[in-house]
């Protein structure tokens, strides 16, 4: 998986590409740490549009980001969720925990 992020007017977008699973926890953690430390940010959006696969450990990483963001008074949303990625999020009832588009 590749992870990159960009900041723009109070929002950070973390773009993920490829397989989002346990083997990529370090990359995700580095990107989320950078996003949480960005000054003036109120929202972190995780763009899953280029993610082809995610597993339960990825769901756990998203929940940890949500908890850490809440502690920092920031919100987390998930964007560009489609196909099997959207199915996994729906089965896990993530729509009750995140704003998903």
N, C-alpha and C. Protein backbone atom coordinates (compact mmCIF):
# COMPACT_ATOMS: atom_id res chain seq x y z
N UNK A 1 0.83 -1.17 0.00
CA UNK A 1 0.00 0.00 0.00
C UNK A 1 0.88 1.23 0.00
N UNK A 2 0.42 2.22 -0.68
CA UNK A 2 1.07 3.52 -0.64
C UNK A 2 0.14 4.49 0.06
N UNK A 3 0.69 5.36 0.87
CA UNK A 3 -0.09 6.35 1.59
C UNK A 3 0.55 7.72 1.38
N UNK A 4 -0.29 8.70 1.11
CA UNK A 4 0.19 10.07 0.99
C UNK A 4 -0.87 10.97 1.61
N UNK A 5 -0.47 12.17 1.98
CA UNK A 5 -1.48 13.07 2.50
C UNK A 5 -1.22 14.49 2.06
N UNK A 6 -2.30 15.25 2.00
CA UNK A 6 -2.22 16.65 1.64
C UNK A 6 -3.15 17.43 2.56
N UNK A 7 -2.75 18.64 2.89
CA UNK A 7 -3.55 19.50 3.76
C UNK A 7 -4.10 20.66 2.94
N UNK A 8 -5.36 20.98 3.21
CA UNK A 8 -5.99 22.10 2.52
C UNK A 8 -7.12 22.66 3.37
N UNK A 9 -7.03 23.91 3.70
CA UNK A 9 -8.04 24.66 4.45
C UNK A 9 -8.76 23.86 5.54
N UNK A 10 -8.04 23.50 6.57
CA UNK A 10 -8.63 22.84 7.71
C UNK A 10 -8.90 21.36 7.58
N UNK A 11 -8.48 20.77 6.45
CA UNK A 11 -8.72 19.34 6.24
C UNK A 11 -7.47 18.68 5.70
N UNK A 12 -7.20 17.49 6.19
CA UNK A 12 -6.10 16.67 5.67
C UNK A 12 -6.74 15.46 4.98
N UNK A 13 -6.25 15.17 3.78
CA UNK A 13 -6.71 13.99 3.05
C UNK A 13 -5.57 12.98 3.02
N UNK A 14 -5.83 11.79 3.56
CA UNK A 14 -4.88 10.69 3.49
C UNK A 14 -5.35 9.79 2.35
N UNK A 15 -4.55 9.69 1.30
CA UNK A 15 -4.90 8.84 0.15
C UNK A 15 -4.16 7.51 0.25
N UNK A 16 -4.94 6.44 0.21
CA UNK A 16 -4.38 5.10 0.29
C UNK A 16 -4.55 4.41 -1.05
N UNK A 17 -3.56 3.59 -1.40
CA UNK A 17 -3.60 2.88 -2.68
C UNK A 17 -3.07 1.46 -2.49
N UNK A 18 -3.81 0.48 -3.02
CA UNK A 18 -3.36 -0.91 -2.95
C UNK A 18 -4.09 -1.68 -1.87
N UNK A 19 -3.40 -2.63 -1.26
CA UNK A 19 -3.96 -3.47 -0.21
C UNK A 19 -3.77 -2.80 1.15
N UNK A 20 -4.85 -2.67 1.88
CA UNK A 20 -4.82 -2.07 3.21
C UNK A 20 -5.02 -3.20 4.22
N UNK A 21 -3.91 -3.70 4.76
CA UNK A 21 -3.96 -4.83 5.69
C UNK A 21 -2.87 -4.67 6.75
N UNK A 22 -2.70 -5.69 7.57
CA UNK A 22 -1.75 -5.60 8.68
C UNK A 22 -0.33 -5.24 8.23
N UNK A 23 0.07 -5.71 7.08
CA UNK A 23 1.43 -5.45 6.59
C UNK A 23 1.69 -3.97 6.32
N UNK A 24 0.64 -3.18 6.26
CA UNK A 24 0.79 -1.75 5.93
C UNK A 24 0.54 -0.85 7.14
N UNK A 25 0.49 -1.45 8.34
CA UNK A 25 0.18 -0.65 9.51
C UNK A 25 1.18 0.48 9.75
N UNK A 26 2.43 0.26 9.45
CA UNK A 26 3.44 1.31 9.68
C UNK A 26 3.22 2.51 8.76
N UNK A 27 2.97 2.25 7.50
CA UNK A 27 2.71 3.35 6.57
C UNK A 27 1.48 4.15 6.98
N UNK A 28 0.42 3.42 7.36
CA UNK A 28 -0.80 4.11 7.77
C UNK A 28 -0.56 4.90 9.04
N UNK A 29 0.14 4.33 9.97
CA UNK A 29 0.42 5.01 11.24
C UNK A 29 1.24 6.29 11.00
N UNK A 30 2.25 6.21 10.13
CA UNK A 30 3.06 7.39 9.82
C UNK A 30 2.21 8.50 9.22
N UNK A 31 1.35 8.14 8.27
CA UNK A 31 0.48 9.14 7.62
C UNK A 31 -0.52 9.72 8.61
N UNK A 32 -1.12 8.87 9.43
CA UNK A 32 -2.11 9.37 10.38
C UNK A 32 -1.45 10.23 11.46
N UNK A 33 -0.24 9.86 11.89
CA UNK A 33 0.49 10.69 12.86
C UNK A 33 0.74 12.08 12.28
N UNK A 34 1.19 12.12 11.04
CA UNK A 34 1.46 13.41 10.39
C UNK A 34 0.17 14.23 10.26
N UNK A 35 -0.91 13.57 9.92
CA UNK A 35 -2.19 14.27 9.78
C UNK A 35 -2.65 14.84 11.12
N UNK A 36 -2.51 14.06 12.17
CA UNK A 36 -2.94 14.53 13.49
C UNK A 36 -2.09 15.69 14.00
N UNK A 37 -0.84 15.76 13.58
CA UNK A 37 0.06 16.82 14.03
C UNK A 37 -0.05 18.10 13.20
N UNK A 38 -0.76 18.04 12.07
CA UNK A 38 -0.89 19.21 11.20
C UNK A 38 -1.71 20.29 11.88
N UNK A 39 -1.14 21.48 11.99
CA UNK A 39 -1.79 22.60 12.66
C UNK A 39 -3.03 23.07 11.89
N UNK A 40 -4.04 23.47 12.63
CA UNK A 40 -5.23 24.06 12.04
C UNK A 40 -6.18 23.09 11.35
N UNK A 41 -5.96 21.80 11.53
CA UNK A 41 -6.79 20.79 10.88
C UNK A 41 -7.93 20.39 11.81
N UNK A 42 -9.14 20.37 11.25
CA UNK A 42 -10.31 19.95 12.02
C UNK A 42 -10.86 18.61 11.54
N UNK A 43 -10.54 18.26 10.29
CA UNK A 43 -11.06 17.02 9.72
C UNK A 43 -9.95 16.24 9.02
N UNK A 44 -9.98 14.93 9.21
CA UNK A 44 -9.09 14.03 8.49
C UNK A 44 -9.96 13.14 7.62
N UNK A 45 -9.71 13.18 6.34
CA UNK A 45 -10.48 12.35 5.41
C UNK A 45 -9.55 11.26 4.88
N UNK A 46 -9.99 10.02 4.98
CA UNK A 46 -9.23 8.89 4.46
C UNK A 46 -9.86 8.51 3.13
N UNK A 47 -9.12 8.72 2.05
CA UNK A 47 -9.59 8.43 0.69
C UNK A 47 -9.24 6.98 0.35
N UNK A 48 -10.28 6.16 0.25
CA UNK A 48 -10.11 4.73 -0.03
C UNK A 48 -10.39 4.38 -1.49
N UNK A 49 -10.46 5.38 -2.36
CA UNK A 49 -10.81 5.16 -3.76
C UNK A 49 -9.88 4.24 -4.51
N UNK A 50 -8.61 4.18 -4.14
CA UNK A 50 -7.64 3.33 -4.84
C UNK A 50 -7.27 2.09 -4.03
N UNK A 51 -8.04 1.82 -2.97
CA UNK A 51 -7.79 0.62 -2.16
C UNK A 51 -8.54 -0.54 -2.81
N UNK A 52 -7.81 -1.61 -3.08
CA UNK A 52 -8.42 -2.77 -3.73
C UNK A 52 -8.85 -3.84 -2.73
N UNK A 53 -8.34 -3.76 -1.50
CA UNK A 53 -8.63 -4.78 -0.49
C UNK A 53 -8.37 -4.21 0.89
N UNK A 54 -9.25 -4.53 1.85
CA UNK A 54 -8.95 -4.22 3.23
C UNK A 54 -9.45 -5.35 4.11
N UNK A 55 -8.77 -5.56 5.23
CA UNK A 55 -9.12 -6.65 6.13
C UNK A 55 -9.47 -6.11 7.51
N UNK A 56 -9.67 -7.01 8.46
CA UNK A 56 -10.08 -6.60 9.79
C UNK A 56 -9.02 -5.74 10.49
N UNK A 57 -7.77 -5.97 10.21
CA UNK A 57 -6.74 -5.13 10.84
C UNK A 57 -6.82 -3.71 10.30
N UNK A 58 -7.19 -3.54 9.05
CA UNK A 58 -7.39 -2.19 8.49
C UNK A 58 -8.56 -1.50 9.19
N UNK A 59 -9.61 -2.25 9.46
CA UNK A 59 -10.74 -1.68 10.20
C UNK A 59 -10.28 -1.23 11.58
N UNK A 60 -9.45 -2.02 12.22
CA UNK A 60 -8.90 -1.65 13.52
C UNK A 60 -8.06 -0.39 13.45
N UNK A 61 -7.28 -0.26 12.41
CA UNK A 61 -6.44 0.94 12.24
C UNK A 61 -7.31 2.17 12.06
N UNK A 62 -8.40 2.04 11.31
CA UNK A 62 -9.31 3.17 11.12
C UNK A 62 -9.97 3.55 12.45
N UNK A 63 -10.34 2.56 13.25
CA UNK A 63 -10.93 2.85 14.56
C UNK A 63 -9.93 3.53 15.49
N UNK A 64 -8.67 3.10 15.45
CA UNK A 64 -7.65 3.74 16.28
C UNK A 64 -7.44 5.19 15.84
N UNK A 65 -7.43 5.44 14.53
CA UNK A 65 -7.31 6.81 14.04
C UNK A 65 -8.48 7.64 14.54
N UNK A 66 -9.69 7.09 14.46
CA UNK A 66 -10.88 7.80 14.92
C UNK A 66 -10.75 8.17 16.40
N UNK A 67 -10.31 7.24 17.22
CA UNK A 67 -10.16 7.50 18.65
C UNK A 67 -9.10 8.56 18.92
N UNK A 68 -7.98 8.45 18.24
CA UNK A 68 -6.90 9.43 18.42
C UNK A 68 -7.32 10.81 17.92
N UNK A 69 -8.08 10.85 16.83
CA UNK A 69 -8.56 12.13 16.29
C UNK A 69 -9.56 12.76 17.25
N UNK A 70 -10.42 11.95 17.81
CA UNK A 70 -11.41 12.46 18.77
C UNK A 70 -10.70 13.10 19.96
N UNK A 71 -9.64 12.47 20.45
CA UNK A 71 -8.87 13.02 21.56
C UNK A 71 -8.27 14.37 21.18
N UNK A 72 -7.93 14.53 19.90
CA UNK A 72 -7.34 15.78 19.41
C UNK A 72 -8.41 16.75 18.88
N UNK A 73 -9.68 16.47 19.15
CA UNK A 73 -10.82 17.31 18.70
C UNK A 73 -10.88 17.44 17.18
N UNK A 74 -10.64 16.34 16.49
CA UNK A 74 -10.73 16.30 15.04
C UNK A 74 -11.72 15.21 14.64
N UNK A 75 -12.30 15.34 13.46
CA UNK A 75 -13.21 14.31 12.97
C UNK A 75 -12.52 13.51 11.87
N UNK A 76 -13.02 12.30 11.63
CA UNK A 76 -12.48 11.43 10.58
C UNK A 76 -13.64 11.01 9.69
N UNK A 77 -13.43 11.10 8.38
CA UNK A 77 -14.42 10.61 7.42
C UNK A 77 -13.72 9.70 6.42
N UNK A 78 -14.50 8.84 5.78
CA UNK A 78 -13.99 7.92 4.77
C UNK A 78 -14.59 8.31 3.44
N UNK A 79 -13.76 8.41 2.40
CA UNK A 79 -14.24 8.89 1.10
C UNK A 79 -13.94 7.90 -0.02
N UNK A 80 -14.73 8.00 -1.06
CA UNK A 80 -14.57 7.21 -2.29
C UNK A 80 -14.61 5.70 -2.02
N UNK A 81 -15.49 5.30 -1.14
CA UNK A 81 -15.64 3.89 -0.79
C UNK A 81 -16.58 3.22 -1.78
N UNK A 82 -16.08 2.18 -2.45
CA UNK A 82 -16.91 1.47 -3.42
C UNK A 82 -16.47 0.03 -3.54
N UNK A 83 -17.31 -0.75 -4.19
CA UNK A 83 -16.99 -2.15 -4.43
C UNK A 83 -16.85 -2.94 -3.16
N UNK A 84 -15.86 -3.84 -3.14
CA UNK A 84 -15.67 -4.73 -1.99
C UNK A 84 -15.26 -3.95 -0.74
N UNK A 85 -14.58 -2.82 -0.92
CA UNK A 85 -14.21 -2.00 0.24
C UNK A 85 -15.48 -1.48 0.92
N UNK A 86 -16.42 -0.99 0.13
CA UNK A 86 -17.68 -0.49 0.69
C UNK A 86 -18.46 -1.63 1.36
N UNK A 87 -18.43 -2.80 0.76
CA UNK A 87 -19.12 -3.95 1.33
C UNK A 87 -18.57 -4.29 2.72
N UNK A 88 -17.26 -4.33 2.85
CA UNK A 88 -16.64 -4.63 4.15
C UNK A 88 -17.03 -3.57 5.17
N UNK A 89 -16.99 -2.31 4.79
CA UNK A 89 -17.36 -1.23 5.70
C UNK A 89 -18.83 -1.34 6.11
N UNK A 90 -19.69 -1.70 5.17
CA UNK A 90 -21.12 -1.85 5.47
C UNK A 90 -21.36 -3.03 6.41
N UNK A 91 -20.71 -4.15 6.15
CA UNK A 91 -20.87 -5.34 7.01
C UNK A 91 -20.41 -5.04 8.44
N UNK A 92 -19.35 -4.24 8.56
CA UNK A 92 -18.81 -3.88 9.88
C UNK A 92 -19.57 -2.72 10.53
N UNK A 93 -20.63 -2.24 9.88
CA UNK A 93 -21.44 -1.12 10.39
C UNK A 93 -20.63 0.15 10.62
N UNK A 94 -19.65 0.39 9.78
CA UNK A 94 -18.82 1.58 9.94
C UNK A 94 -19.59 2.85 9.62
N UNK A 95 -20.72 2.74 8.94
CA UNK A 95 -21.55 3.92 8.68
C UNK A 95 -22.08 4.55 9.95
N UNK A 96 -22.12 3.79 11.04
CA UNK A 96 -22.56 4.33 12.33
C UNK A 96 -21.41 5.02 13.06
N UNK A 97 -20.18 4.79 12.61
CA UNK A 97 -19.01 5.34 13.29
C UNK A 97 -18.32 6.46 12.52
N UNK A 98 -18.48 6.45 11.20
CA UNK A 98 -17.81 7.40 10.32
C UNK A 98 -18.80 7.98 9.33
N UNK A 99 -18.50 9.15 8.85
CA UNK A 99 -19.19 9.68 7.68
C UNK A 99 -18.53 9.01 6.48
N UNK A 100 -19.33 8.30 5.66
CA UNK A 100 -18.77 7.56 4.53
C UNK A 100 -19.40 8.05 3.23
N UNK A 101 -18.53 8.37 2.27
CA UNK A 101 -19.02 8.78 0.94
C UNK A 101 -18.43 7.89 -0.12
